[in-house]
Amino acid sequence: MSKTKHLPKKDELVKRNFALADLRAVDDGNYIEGHPAIYDQMTNIGGWFNEVIERGAFDSCDFDDVLFSVNHDLRKIPLARSRRNNGNSTMQLQTNEKGLYIRANLDIENNSEAKSLHSAVKRGDIDGMSFIFYVSDEKWEDVDSDMPTRRIQKIKKVIEVSAVNFPAYSGTDINARDQAVLDNAAKALENARSQLDNSDSELEVLQLRNKILLKLEER
């Protein structure tokens, strides 16, 4: 039986893949570009809740040091990096009407992994993106229902973006491959429900903990 997890701190580390995220190779040069985060897209997080990144969530976000990887493999050398998001970095980030946009300059002449990624993106074999970030402000709706909605209003810091094989966050793709993401989702929901009015919170939290334990046992 899995143990009950401790509640997360306010600045929760989150990894998200988006079904409508896009990644493409630029015809001129060694660049790839895309959107690892999309505004106002409803995403189901492991069957626990729906999640939306609101417009303005990246205002005042810390992009001081952001890595670019493949499938969030931080053990490998990054294929690009943004330091203080300046023009001399090998990756730039900015926000636009769609969401968070990145443009990375890959060293395809000297780095075989960069060359392989650029080729895979150009061929359309890899076309998804994901990112890892810290949440600083959020709002929960229908938190006592079977499918609450979490609205991320402020993202404190982005630490990494990735090209990913599976852009859609679904039960048969990412969820089956990343138990840590599911555990974080369960803890986030438990934390939100634990903040209900005192008259209801004790019973709600007890029911939620039982539900979490049951789901984790089934995996």
N, C-alpha and C. Protein backbone atom coordinates (compact mmCIF):
# COMPACT_ATOMS: atom_id res chain seq x y z
N MET A 1 0.85 -1.20 0.00
CA MET A 1 0.00 0.00 0.00
C MET A 1 0.88 1.24 0.00
N SER A 2 0.53 2.22 -0.80
CA SER A 2 1.30 3.46 -0.86
C SER A 2 1.02 4.30 0.38
N LYS A 3 2.02 5.01 0.86
CA LYS A 3 1.85 5.86 2.02
C LYS A 3 1.20 7.17 1.61
N THR A 4 0.48 7.78 2.57
CA THR A 4 -0.12 9.09 2.31
C THR A 4 0.99 10.12 2.15
N LYS A 5 0.91 10.94 1.13
CA LYS A 5 1.96 11.91 0.83
C LYS A 5 1.77 13.16 1.67
N HIS A 6 2.87 13.86 1.97
CA HIS A 6 2.79 15.15 2.63
C HIS A 6 2.26 16.20 1.66
N LEU A 7 1.60 17.21 2.20
CA LEU A 7 1.06 18.27 1.35
C LEU A 7 2.20 19.09 0.77
N PRO A 8 2.05 19.58 -0.47
CA PRO A 8 3.12 20.34 -1.10
C PRO A 8 3.20 21.76 -0.57
N LYS A 9 4.36 22.36 -0.73
CA LYS A 9 4.50 23.77 -0.39
C LYS A 9 3.80 24.62 -1.45
N LYS A 10 3.68 25.91 -1.15
CA LYS A 10 2.99 26.82 -2.08
C LYS A 10 3.67 26.84 -3.44
N ASP A 11 5.01 26.93 -3.44
CA ASP A 11 5.75 26.96 -4.70
C ASP A 11 5.97 25.53 -5.18
N GLU A 12 4.96 24.98 -5.81
CA GLU A 12 4.98 23.58 -6.24
C GLU A 12 5.71 23.44 -7.57
N LEU A 13 6.60 22.45 -7.66
CA LEU A 13 7.28 22.15 -8.92
C LEU A 13 6.37 21.30 -9.78
N VAL A 14 6.13 21.76 -11.01
CA VAL A 14 5.14 21.12 -11.87
C VAL A 14 5.75 20.83 -13.23
N LYS A 15 5.37 19.70 -13.80
CA LYS A 15 5.73 19.38 -15.18
C LYS A 15 4.45 19.14 -15.96
N ARG A 16 4.31 19.80 -17.10
CA ARG A 16 3.08 19.67 -17.87
C ARG A 16 3.38 19.49 -19.35
N ASN A 17 2.65 18.59 -19.96
CA ASN A 17 2.64 18.42 -21.42
C ASN A 17 1.28 18.87 -21.93
N PHE A 18 1.24 19.51 -23.09
CA PHE A 18 -0.01 20.04 -23.62
C PHE A 18 -0.31 19.46 -24.99
N ALA A 19 -1.58 19.08 -25.16
CA ALA A 19 -1.99 18.43 -26.41
C ALA A 19 -1.86 19.36 -27.60
N LEU A 20 -2.01 20.67 -27.37
CA LEU A 20 -1.96 21.62 -28.48
C LEU A 20 -0.62 22.34 -28.57
N ALA A 21 0.34 21.92 -27.76
CA ALA A 21 1.67 22.51 -27.88
C ALA A 21 2.26 22.15 -29.24
N ASP A 22 3.13 23.01 -29.75
CA ASP A 22 3.67 22.77 -31.09
C ASP A 22 5.17 22.94 -31.10
N LEU A 23 5.82 22.23 -32.00
CA LEU A 23 7.26 22.31 -32.18
C LEU A 23 7.56 22.11 -33.65
N ARG A 24 8.43 22.93 -34.21
CA ARG A 24 8.74 22.83 -35.64
C ARG A 24 10.17 23.31 -35.90
N ALA A 25 10.74 22.83 -36.98
CA ALA A 25 12.06 23.26 -37.41
C ALA A 25 11.91 24.46 -38.33
N VAL A 26 12.79 25.43 -38.17
CA VAL A 26 12.79 26.61 -39.03
C VAL A 26 13.57 26.27 -40.30
N ASP A 27 13.01 26.64 -41.44
CA ASP A 27 13.63 26.28 -42.72
C ASP A 27 15.04 26.84 -42.88
N ASP A 28 15.24 28.05 -42.36
CA ASP A 28 16.53 28.71 -42.52
C ASP A 28 17.36 28.55 -41.25
N GLY A 29 18.41 27.75 -41.30
CA GLY A 29 19.30 27.61 -40.16
C GLY A 29 19.02 26.38 -39.32
N ASN A 30 19.59 26.39 -38.10
CA ASN A 30 19.53 25.24 -37.20
C ASN A 30 18.53 25.45 -36.07
N TYR A 31 17.55 26.29 -36.29
CA TYR A 31 16.62 26.65 -35.23
C TYR A 31 15.41 25.72 -35.19
N ILE A 32 14.89 25.54 -33.98
CA ILE A 32 13.56 24.98 -33.80
C ILE A 32 12.80 25.94 -32.90
N GLU A 33 11.49 25.98 -33.06
CA GLU A 33 10.68 26.91 -32.30
C GLU A 33 9.34 26.27 -31.98
N GLY A 34 8.67 26.83 -30.99
CA GLY A 34 7.36 26.30 -30.64
C GLY A 34 6.83 26.89 -29.35
N HIS A 35 5.69 26.38 -28.92
CA HIS A 35 5.01 26.83 -27.71
C HIS A 35 4.91 25.68 -26.71
N PRO A 36 5.70 25.70 -25.65
CA PRO A 36 5.57 24.65 -24.64
C PRO A 36 4.39 24.84 -23.71
N ALA A 37 3.79 26.02 -23.71
CA ALA A 37 2.62 26.29 -22.86
C ALA A 37 1.60 27.10 -23.63
N ILE A 38 0.34 26.71 -23.51
CA ILE A 38 -0.75 27.34 -24.25
C ILE A 38 -1.73 27.95 -23.25
N TYR A 39 -2.09 29.21 -23.48
CA TYR A 39 -3.08 29.86 -22.62
C TYR A 39 -4.47 29.27 -22.82
N ASP A 40 -5.23 29.26 -21.73
CA ASP A 40 -6.68 28.97 -21.76
C ASP A 40 -7.01 27.59 -22.33
N GLN A 41 -6.07 26.69 -22.31
CA GLN A 41 -6.34 25.32 -22.76
C GLN A 41 -6.69 24.46 -21.55
N MET A 42 -7.85 23.83 -21.59
CA MET A 42 -8.27 22.93 -20.51
C MET A 42 -7.56 21.60 -20.67
N THR A 43 -6.78 21.23 -19.67
CA THR A 43 -6.01 19.99 -19.70
C THR A 43 -6.41 19.11 -18.53
N ASN A 44 -6.72 17.85 -18.79
CA ASN A 44 -7.05 16.93 -17.71
C ASN A 44 -5.77 16.35 -17.13
N ILE A 45 -5.60 16.50 -15.83
CA ILE A 45 -4.38 16.09 -15.15
C ILE A 45 -4.59 14.74 -14.47
N GLY A 46 -4.32 13.69 -15.20
CA GLY A 46 -4.32 12.36 -14.65
C GLY A 46 -5.64 11.87 -14.10
N GLY A 47 -6.75 12.51 -14.50
CA GLY A 47 -8.04 12.11 -13.97
C GLY A 47 -8.36 12.70 -12.61
N TRP A 48 -7.44 13.52 -12.08
CA TRP A 48 -7.67 14.14 -10.78
C TRP A 48 -8.43 15.46 -10.90
N PHE A 49 -8.05 16.29 -11.86
CA PHE A 49 -8.68 17.59 -12.03
C PHE A 49 -8.33 18.14 -13.40
N ASN A 50 -9.04 19.21 -13.81
CA ASN A 50 -8.70 19.95 -15.02
C ASN A 50 -7.83 21.14 -14.64
N GLU A 51 -7.00 21.57 -15.57
CA GLU A 51 -6.08 22.66 -15.29
C GLU A 51 -6.02 23.62 -16.46
N VAL A 52 -5.94 24.92 -16.16
CA VAL A 52 -5.86 25.97 -17.17
C VAL A 52 -4.77 26.95 -16.77
N ILE A 53 -3.91 27.32 -17.71
CA ILE A 53 -2.95 28.40 -17.50
C ILE A 53 -3.59 29.68 -18.03
N GLU A 54 -3.82 30.63 -17.15
CA GLU A 54 -4.51 31.86 -17.53
C GLU A 54 -3.55 32.84 -18.20
N ARG A 55 -4.14 33.71 -19.01
CA ARG A 55 -3.34 34.78 -19.63
C ARG A 55 -2.76 35.68 -18.54
N GLY A 56 -1.52 36.04 -18.72
CA GLY A 56 -0.84 36.84 -17.71
C GLY A 56 -0.09 36.00 -16.69
N ALA A 57 -0.20 34.68 -16.79
CA ALA A 57 0.46 33.82 -15.80
C ALA A 57 1.98 33.96 -15.85
N PHE A 58 2.52 34.34 -17.01
CA PHE A 58 3.97 34.46 -17.14
C PHE A 58 4.47 35.88 -16.88
N ASP A 59 3.57 36.81 -16.57
CA ASP A 59 4.00 38.16 -16.21
C ASP A 59 4.86 38.08 -14.95
N SER A 60 6.02 38.68 -14.99
CA SER A 60 6.97 38.68 -13.87
C SER A 60 7.57 37.31 -13.61
N CYS A 61 7.44 36.39 -14.55
CA CYS A 61 8.03 35.06 -14.40
C CYS A 61 9.56 35.14 -14.50
N ASP A 62 10.24 34.32 -13.73
CA ASP A 62 11.69 34.26 -13.75
C ASP A 62 12.16 33.30 -14.85
N PHE A 63 12.75 33.87 -15.90
CA PHE A 63 13.35 33.08 -16.97
C PHE A 63 14.88 33.17 -16.92
N ASP A 64 15.43 33.32 -15.73
CA ASP A 64 16.85 33.63 -15.58
C ASP A 64 17.76 32.54 -16.12
N ASP A 65 17.38 31.28 -15.94
CA ASP A 65 18.22 30.17 -16.41
C ASP A 65 17.31 29.01 -16.78
N VAL A 66 17.11 28.79 -18.08
CA VAL A 66 16.18 27.77 -18.57
C VAL A 66 16.91 26.84 -19.53
N LEU A 67 16.79 25.54 -19.28
CA LEU A 67 17.42 24.54 -20.13
C LEU A 67 16.45 24.06 -21.21
N PHE A 68 17.01 23.58 -22.32
CA PHE A 68 16.23 22.93 -23.36
C PHE A 68 16.72 21.49 -23.50
N SER A 69 15.81 20.53 -23.33
CA SER A 69 16.17 19.11 -23.32
C SER A 69 15.22 18.32 -24.20
N VAL A 70 15.41 17.01 -24.19
CA VAL A 70 14.50 16.08 -24.86
C VAL A 70 13.90 15.17 -23.80
N ASN A 71 12.58 15.14 -23.74
CA ASN A 71 11.85 14.30 -22.79
C ASN A 71 12.31 14.49 -21.35
N HIS A 72 12.65 15.73 -21.01
CA HIS A 72 13.01 16.11 -19.64
C HIS A 72 14.16 15.28 -19.08
N ASP A 73 15.08 14.87 -19.92
CA ASP A 73 16.23 14.10 -19.45
C ASP A 73 17.32 15.08 -19.00
N LEU A 74 17.26 15.47 -17.74
CA LEU A 74 18.18 16.47 -17.21
C LEU A 74 19.55 15.89 -16.89
N ARG A 75 19.71 14.59 -17.08
CA ARG A 75 21.03 13.98 -16.86
C ARG A 75 21.97 14.26 -18.03
N LYS A 76 21.40 14.62 -19.17
CA LYS A 76 22.21 14.86 -20.36
C LYS A 76 22.53 16.35 -20.51
N ILE A 77 23.53 16.61 -21.32
CA ILE A 77 23.89 18.00 -21.61
C ILE A 77 22.72 18.67 -22.33
N PRO A 78 22.32 19.88 -21.90
CA PRO A 78 21.21 20.55 -22.59
C PRO A 78 21.57 20.88 -24.03
N LEU A 79 20.58 20.84 -24.89
CA LEU A 79 20.80 21.14 -26.31
C LEU A 79 20.79 22.63 -26.59
N ALA A 80 20.25 23.40 -25.66
CA ALA A 80 20.27 24.87 -25.74
C ALA A 80 20.00 25.38 -24.33
N ARG A 81 20.25 26.68 -24.13
CA ARG A 81 20.07 27.24 -22.79
C ARG A 81 19.83 28.74 -22.89
N SER A 82 18.95 29.22 -22.04
CA SER A 82 18.70 30.65 -21.96
C SER A 82 19.21 31.16 -20.62
N ARG A 83 20.15 32.08 -20.66
CA ARG A 83 20.66 32.73 -19.45
C ARG A 83 20.22 34.18 -19.45
N ARG A 84 19.42 34.51 -18.46
CA ARG A 84 18.85 35.86 -18.32
C ARG A 84 18.07 36.27 -19.57
N ASN A 85 17.72 35.27 -20.39
CA ASN A 85 16.89 35.49 -21.57
C ASN A 85 17.45 36.60 -22.46
N ASN A 86 18.77 36.61 -22.64
CA ASN A 86 19.37 37.66 -23.48
C ASN A 86 19.64 37.14 -24.88
N GLY A 87 19.97 38.05 -25.77
CA GLY A 87 20.15 37.71 -27.17
C GLY A 87 21.35 36.84 -27.46
N ASN A 88 22.29 36.75 -26.51
CA ASN A 88 23.48 35.93 -26.71
C ASN A 88 23.26 34.47 -26.33
N SER A 89 22.13 34.17 -25.72
CA SER A 89 21.84 32.79 -25.32
C SER A 89 21.46 31.96 -26.54
N THR A 90 21.58 30.65 -26.41
CA THR A 90 21.21 29.76 -27.51
C THR A 90 19.72 29.45 -27.53
N MET A 91 18.98 29.98 -26.56
CA MET A 91 17.52 29.88 -26.59
C MET A 91 16.92 31.17 -26.06
N GLN A 92 15.87 31.64 -26.72
CA GLN A 92 15.12 32.80 -26.26
C GLN A 92 13.68 32.40 -25.95
N LEU A 93 13.11 33.04 -24.94
CA LEU A 93 11.72 32.80 -24.56
C LEU A 93 10.97 34.12 -24.55
N GLN A 94 9.72 34.07 -24.95
CA GLN A 94 8.86 35.24 -24.87
C GLN A 94 7.41 34.78 -24.84
N THR A 95 6.54 35.66 -24.42
CA THR A 95 5.11 35.35 -24.44
C THR A 95 4.46 36.06 -25.61
N ASN A 96 3.44 35.43 -26.17
CA ASN A 96 2.63 36.05 -27.21
C ASN A 96 1.17 35.69 -26.97
N GLU A 97 0.32 35.95 -27.95
CA GLU A 97 -1.11 35.72 -27.76
C GLU A 97 -1.44 34.25 -27.50
N LYS A 98 -0.61 33.36 -27.99
CA LYS A 98 -0.89 31.93 -27.84
C LYS A 98 -0.43 31.38 -26.50
N GLY A 99 0.70 31.85 -26.03
CA GLY A 99 1.25 31.33 -24.77
C GLY A 99 2.73 31.64 -24.65
N LEU A 100 3.49 30.68 -24.14
CA LEU A 100 4.93 30.82 -24.01
C LEU A 100 5.60 30.30 -25.27
N TYR A 101 6.42 31.14 -25.88
CA TYR A 101 7.10 30.79 -27.14
C TYR A 101 8.60 30.66 -26.89
N ILE A 102 9.23 29.65 -27.51
CA ILE A 102 10.68 29.50 -27.41
C ILE A 102 11.27 29.33 -28.80
N ARG A 103 12.51 29.75 -28.95
CA ARG A 103 13.28 29.56 -30.19
C ARG A 103 14.68 29.13 -29.77
N ALA A 104 15.09 27.93 -30.20
CA ALA A 104 16.37 27.37 -29.79
C ALA A 104 17.28 27.17 -30.99
N ASN A 105 18.55 27.54 -30.82
CA ASN A 105 19.56 27.38 -31.85
C ASN A 105 20.37 26.12 -31.54
N LEU A 106 20.21 25.07 -32.35
CA LEU A 106 20.86 23.79 -32.09
C LEU A 106 22.20 23.69 -32.82
N ASP A 107 23.17 23.11 -32.15
CA ASP A 107 24.49 22.90 -32.75
C ASP A 107 24.49 21.55 -33.46
N ILE A 108 23.90 21.51 -34.64
CA ILE A 108 23.74 20.23 -35.34
C ILE A 108 25.04 19.77 -36.00
N GLU A 109 26.04 20.64 -36.08
CA GLU A 109 27.31 20.25 -36.68
C GLU A 109 28.20 19.50 -35.70
N ASN A 110 28.13 19.87 -34.42
CA ASN A 110 29.05 19.29 -33.43
C ASN A 110 28.36 18.41 -32.39
N ASN A 111 27.05 18.39 -32.38
CA ASN A 111 26.31 17.63 -31.38
C ASN A 111 25.36 16.67 -32.09
N SER A 112 25.64 15.39 -31.98
CA SER A 112 24.84 14.39 -32.71
C SER A 112 23.40 14.33 -32.21
N GLU A 113 23.19 14.56 -30.90
CA GLU A 113 21.83 14.53 -30.37
C GLU A 113 21.03 15.73 -30.88
N ALA A 114 21.69 16.87 -30.98
CA ALA A 114 21.02 18.05 -31.53
C ALA A 114 20.66 17.82 -33.00
N LYS A 115 21.56 17.20 -33.73
CA LYS A 115 21.29 16.90 -35.14
C LYS A 115 20.12 15.93 -35.28
N SER A 116 20.08 14.91 -34.42
CA SER A 116 18.99 13.93 -34.47
C SER A 116 17.66 14.58 -34.14
N LEU A 117 17.65 15.46 -33.13
CA LEU A 117 16.41 16.13 -32.76
C LEU A 117 15.93 17.03 -33.89
N HIS A 118 16.83 17.82 -34.46
CA HIS A 118 16.45 18.73 -35.54
C HIS A 118 15.85 17.95 -36.70
N SER A 119 16.45 16.81 -37.03
CA SER A 119 15.93 15.97 -38.11
C SER A 119 14.55 15.41 -37.77
N ALA A 120 14.39 14.94 -36.52
CA ALA A 120 13.11 14.37 -36.10
C ALA A 120 12.00 15.40 -36.11
N VAL A 121 12.33 16.63 -35.69
CA VAL A 121 11.33 17.70 -35.70
C VAL A 121 10.98 18.08 -37.13
N LYS A 122 11.99 18.19 -37.98
CA LYS A 122 11.76 18.57 -39.38
C LYS A 122 10.90 17.53 -40.09
N ARG A 123 11.09 16.25 -39.77
CA ARG A 123 10.32 15.17 -40.38
C ARG A 123 8.93 15.04 -39.77
N GLY A 124 8.72 15.68 -38.63
CA GLY A 124 7.43 15.55 -37.96
C GLY A 124 7.34 14.37 -37.02
N ASP A 125 8.47 13.69 -36.77
CA ASP A 125 8.47 12.55 -35.86
C ASP A 125 8.31 13.00 -34.41
N ILE A 126 8.81 14.17 -34.09
CA ILE A 126 8.61 14.80 -32.78
C ILE A 126 8.00 16.16 -33.02
N ASP A 127 6.84 16.41 -32.41
CA ASP A 127 6.19 17.70 -32.62
C ASP A 127 5.54 18.23 -31.34
N GLY A 128 5.90 17.66 -30.20
CA GLY A 128 5.30 18.09 -28.94
C GLY A 128 6.29 18.79 -28.04
N MET A 129 5.76 19.59 -27.11
CA MET A 129 6.59 20.30 -26.16
C MET A 129 6.00 20.19 -24.77
N SER A 130 6.87 20.42 -23.79
CA SER A 130 6.49 20.36 -22.39
C SER A 130 7.40 21.30 -21.62
N PHE A 131 7.04 21.64 -20.39
CA PHE A 131 7.92 22.48 -19.60
C PHE A 131 7.77 22.19 -18.11
N ILE A 132 8.81 22.53 -17.35
CA ILE A 132 8.82 22.36 -15.90
C ILE A 132 8.85 23.75 -15.28
N PHE A 133 8.00 23.95 -14.26
CA PHE A 133 7.84 25.30 -13.72
C PHE A 133 7.38 25.25 -12.27
N TYR A 134 7.47 26.41 -11.61
CA TYR A 134 6.96 26.57 -10.26
C TYR A 134 5.71 27.44 -10.29
N VAL A 135 4.68 27.02 -9.58
CA VAL A 135 3.44 27.79 -9.45
C VAL A 135 3.52 28.67 -8.21
N SER A 136 3.14 29.94 -8.34
CA SER A 136 3.12 30.82 -7.17
C SER A 136 1.72 31.30 -6.81
N ASP A 137 0.78 31.26 -7.77
CA ASP A 137 -0.58 31.71 -7.47
C ASP A 137 -1.56 30.90 -8.30
N GLU A 138 -2.63 30.46 -7.67
CA GLU A 138 -3.61 29.61 -8.34
C GLU A 138 -5.00 29.84 -7.74
N LYS A 139 -6.01 29.41 -8.46
CA LYS A 139 -7.39 29.46 -7.96
C LYS A 139 -8.08 28.14 -8.31
N TRP A 140 -8.78 27.58 -7.33
CA TRP A 140 -9.49 26.32 -7.54
C TRP A 140 -10.99 26.58 -7.66
N GLU A 141 -11.63 25.88 -8.59
CA GLU A 141 -13.08 25.96 -8.77
C GLU A 141 -13.68 24.57 -8.59
N ASP A 142 -14.87 24.52 -7.99
CA ASP A 142 -15.58 23.24 -7.79
C ASP A 142 -14.68 22.23 -7.11
N VAL A 143 -13.97 22.67 -6.08
CA VAL A 143 -12.97 21.82 -5.47
C VAL A 143 -13.56 20.61 -4.77
N ASP A 144 -14.85 20.67 -4.42
CA ASP A 144 -15.48 19.54 -3.75
C ASP A 144 -16.22 18.62 -4.72
N SER A 145 -16.03 18.84 -6.02
CA SER A 145 -16.67 17.99 -7.03
C SER A 145 -15.73 16.87 -7.45
N ASP A 146 -16.23 15.98 -8.30
CA ASP A 146 -15.41 14.87 -8.78
C ASP A 146 -14.32 15.33 -9.74
N MET A 147 -14.52 16.48 -10.39
CA MET A 147 -13.53 16.98 -11.35
C MET A 147 -13.37 18.49 -11.17
N PRO A 148 -12.58 18.91 -10.17
CA PRO A 148 -12.34 20.34 -9.95
C PRO A 148 -11.53 20.94 -11.10
N THR A 149 -11.44 22.27 -11.10
CA THR A 149 -10.61 22.98 -12.07
C THR A 149 -9.59 23.83 -11.33
N ARG A 150 -8.36 23.69 -11.72
CA ARG A 150 -7.28 24.48 -11.15
C ARG A 150 -6.85 25.51 -12.19
N ARG A 151 -6.94 26.79 -11.82
CA ARG A 151 -6.54 27.88 -12.71
C ARG A 151 -5.21 28.44 -12.21
N ILE A 152 -4.17 28.25 -13.02
CA ILE A 152 -2.85 28.76 -12.67
C ILE A 152 -2.78 30.22 -13.09
N GLN A 153 -2.66 31.11 -12.10
CA GLN A 153 -2.70 32.54 -12.37
C GLN A 153 -1.31 33.17 -12.45
N LYS A 154 -0.35 32.59 -11.72
CA LYS A 154 1.01 33.12 -11.75
C LYS A 154 2.01 31.96 -11.71
N ILE A 155 2.94 31.99 -12.65
CA ILE A 155 4.04 31.04 -12.67
C ILE A 155 5.29 31.77 -12.21
N LYS A 156 5.90 31.26 -11.15
CA LYS A 156 7.03 31.95 -10.53
C LYS A 156 8.31 31.81 -11.36
N LYS A 157 8.57 30.58 -11.83
CA LYS A 157 9.85 30.34 -12.50
C LYS A 157 9.71 29.17 -13.47
N VAL A 158 10.31 29.31 -14.64
CA VAL A 158 10.43 28.20 -15.59
C VAL A 158 11.88 27.73 -15.53
N ILE A 159 12.08 26.42 -15.35
CA ILE A 159 13.45 25.92 -15.23
C ILE A 159 13.89 25.07 -16.42
N GLU A 160 12.91 24.55 -17.19
CA GLU A 160 13.29 23.70 -18.33
C GLU A 160 12.13 23.56 -19.29
N VAL A 161 12.45 23.46 -20.58
CA VAL A 161 11.46 23.10 -21.60
C VAL A 161 12.03 21.93 -22.39
N SER A 162 11.13 21.12 -22.93
CA SER A 162 11.57 19.91 -23.63
C SER A 162 10.78 19.68 -24.91
N ALA A 163 11.45 19.09 -25.87
CA ALA A 163 10.76 18.43 -26.97
C ALA A 163 10.36 17.05 -26.45
N VAL A 164 9.11 16.64 -26.70
CA VAL A 164 8.63 15.39 -26.12
C VAL A 164 7.97 14.52 -27.18
N ASN A 165 8.01 13.22 -26.94
CA ASN A 165 7.40 12.27 -27.86
C ASN A 165 5.88 12.28 -27.78
N PHE A 166 5.36 12.52 -26.58
CA PHE A 166 3.92 12.44 -26.36
C PHE A 166 3.40 13.78 -25.85
N PRO A 167 2.94 14.67 -26.74
CA PRO A 167 2.45 15.97 -26.30
C PRO A 167 1.15 15.90 -25.53
N ALA A 168 0.31 14.92 -25.81
CA ALA A 168 -0.99 14.82 -25.16
C ALA A 168 -0.83 14.23 -23.77
N TYR A 169 -1.43 14.88 -22.78
CA TYR A 169 -1.38 14.40 -21.41
C TYR A 169 -2.59 13.52 -21.19
N SER A 170 -2.46 12.22 -21.43
CA SER A 170 -3.60 11.30 -21.35
C SER A 170 -3.21 10.07 -20.57
N GLY A 171 -4.21 9.30 -20.15
CA GLY A 171 -3.97 8.15 -19.31
C GLY A 171 -3.11 7.09 -19.95
N THR A 172 -3.11 6.99 -21.28
CA THR A 172 -2.33 5.95 -21.95
C THR A 172 -0.96 6.44 -22.39
N ASP A 173 -0.70 7.74 -22.26
CA ASP A 173 0.59 8.26 -22.71
C ASP A 173 1.46 8.67 -21.52
N ILE A 174 1.43 9.96 -21.18
CA ILE A 174 2.34 10.47 -20.18
C ILE A 174 2.06 9.89 -18.80
N ASN A 175 0.78 9.77 -18.43
CA ASN A 175 0.46 9.32 -17.08
C ASN A 175 1.06 7.96 -16.77
N ALA A 176 1.01 7.06 -17.72
CA ALA A 176 1.51 5.71 -17.49
C ALA A 176 3.02 5.69 -17.36
N ARG A 177 3.68 6.76 -17.78
CA ARG A 177 5.14 6.78 -17.79
C ARG A 177 5.72 7.65 -16.69
N ASP A 178 4.92 8.38 -15.96
CA ASP A 178 5.46 9.34 -15.01
C ASP A 178 4.61 9.35 -13.75
N GLN A 179 4.85 8.42 -12.85
CA GLN A 179 4.08 8.32 -11.62
C GLN A 179 4.28 9.55 -10.74
N ALA A 180 5.46 10.17 -10.80
CA ALA A 180 5.72 11.34 -9.98
C ALA A 180 4.78 12.48 -10.33
N VAL A 181 4.46 12.64 -11.62
CA VAL A 181 3.53 13.68 -12.02
C VAL A 181 2.15 13.42 -11.44
N LEU A 182 1.72 12.16 -11.48
CA LEU A 182 0.43 11.81 -10.90
C LEU A 182 0.40 12.06 -9.41
N ASP A 183 1.47 11.70 -8.72
CA ASP A 183 1.53 11.92 -7.28
C ASP A 183 1.43 13.40 -6.95
N ASN A 184 2.13 14.25 -7.73
CA ASN A 184 2.07 15.69 -7.50
C ASN A 184 0.67 16.23 -7.73
N ALA A 185 -0.02 15.70 -8.75
CA ALA A 185 -1.39 16.13 -9.01
C ALA A 185 -2.30 15.77 -7.85
N ALA A 186 -2.15 14.56 -7.34
CA ALA A 186 -2.96 14.14 -6.21
C ALA A 186 -2.70 15.00 -4.98
N LYS A 187 -1.44 15.34 -4.74
CA LYS A 187 -1.10 16.16 -3.59
C LYS A 187 -1.64 17.58 -3.74
N ALA A 188 -1.57 18.12 -4.96
CA ALA A 188 -2.09 19.47 -5.19
C ALA A 188 -3.58 19.54 -4.90
N LEU A 189 -4.31 18.54 -5.36
CA LEU A 189 -5.75 18.51 -5.11
C LEU A 189 -6.04 18.32 -3.64
N GLU A 190 -5.30 17.47 -2.98
CA GLU A 190 -5.49 17.26 -1.54
C GLU A 190 -5.24 18.56 -0.78
N ASN A 191 -4.21 19.29 -1.19
CA ASN A 191 -3.89 20.55 -0.54
C ASN A 191 -5.01 21.56 -0.70
N ALA A 192 -5.58 21.65 -1.92
CA ALA A 192 -6.67 22.59 -2.16
C ALA A 192 -7.90 22.22 -1.34
N ARG A 193 -8.21 20.96 -1.30
CA ARG A 193 -9.40 20.54 -0.56
C ARG A 193 -9.22 20.67 0.95
N SER A 194 -7.99 20.60 1.40
CA SER A 194 -7.75 20.75 2.84
C SER A 194 -7.97 22.18 3.31
N GLN A 195 -8.09 23.11 2.37
CA GLN A 195 -8.30 24.51 2.71
C GLN A 195 -9.76 24.93 2.66
N LEU A 196 -10.66 23.99 2.55
CA LEU A 196 -12.08 24.30 2.60
C LEU A 196 -12.46 24.82 3.98
N ASP A 197 -13.66 25.40 4.11
CA ASP A 197 -14.14 25.88 5.40
C ASP A 197 -14.08 24.78 6.44
N ASN A 198 -13.79 25.13 7.67
CA ASN A 198 -13.60 24.14 8.73
C ASN A 198 -14.80 23.23 8.90
N SER A 199 -15.98 23.71 8.60
CA SER A 199 -17.19 22.92 8.78
C SER A 199 -17.24 21.72 7.85
N ASP A 200 -16.54 21.84 6.69
CA ASP A 200 -16.58 20.78 5.69
C ASP A 200 -15.22 20.12 5.44
N SER A 201 -14.14 20.82 5.79
CA SER A 201 -12.83 20.37 5.33
C SER A 201 -12.42 19.03 5.91
N GLU A 202 -12.71 18.78 7.18
CA GLU A 202 -12.24 17.54 7.80
C GLU A 202 -12.79 16.31 7.08
N LEU A 203 -14.09 16.33 6.79
CA LEU A 203 -14.70 15.20 6.10
C LEU A 203 -14.20 15.10 4.67
N GLU A 204 -14.08 16.25 3.98
CA GLU A 204 -13.64 16.24 2.59
C GLU A 204 -12.22 15.69 2.47
N VAL A 205 -11.33 16.11 3.35
CA VAL A 205 -9.94 15.66 3.28
C VAL A 205 -9.85 14.17 3.55
N LEU A 206 -10.63 13.68 4.50
CA LEU A 206 -10.63 12.25 4.79
C LEU A 206 -11.09 11.45 3.58
N GLN A 207 -12.15 11.92 2.93
CA GLN A 207 -12.65 11.23 1.75
C GLN A 207 -11.62 11.28 0.63
N LEU A 208 -10.96 12.42 0.45
CA LEU A 208 -9.96 12.55 -0.60
C LEU A 208 -8.78 11.62 -0.36
N ARG A 209 -8.32 11.54 0.89
CA ARG A 209 -7.19 10.67 1.19
C ARG A 209 -7.52 9.21 0.89
N ASN A 210 -8.73 8.83 1.23
CA ASN A 210 -9.14 7.46 0.92
C ASN A 210 -9.16 7.22 -0.59
N LYS A 211 -9.63 8.24 -1.34
CA LYS A 211 -9.69 8.12 -2.79
C LYS A 211 -8.29 8.02 -3.39
N ILE A 212 -7.36 8.82 -2.88
CA ILE A 212 -5.99 8.80 -3.37
C ILE A 212 -5.34 7.44 -3.10
N LEU A 213 -5.51 6.94 -1.89
CA LEU A 213 -4.93 5.65 -1.55
C LEU A 213 -5.49 4.54 -2.43
N LEU A 214 -6.79 4.62 -2.70
CA LEU A 214 -7.42 3.60 -3.54
C LEU A 214 -6.86 3.65 -4.95
N LYS A 215 -6.70 4.86 -5.51
CA LYS A 215 -6.19 4.99 -6.87
C LYS A 215 -4.74 4.52 -6.97
N LEU A 216 -3.93 4.86 -5.97
CA LEU A 216 -2.54 4.46 -6.01
C LEU A 216 -2.38 2.95 -5.84
N GLU A 217 -3.29 2.33 -5.10
CA GLU A 217 -3.25 0.88 -4.95
C GLU A 217 -3.58 0.18 -6.25
N GLU A 218 -4.43 0.82 -7.07
CA GLU A 218 -4.85 0.20 -8.32
C GLU A 218 -3.76 0.22 -9.37
N ARG A 219 -2.73 1.05 -9.18
CA ARG A 219 -1.67 1.19 -10.20
C ARG A 219 -0.58 0.15 -9.97
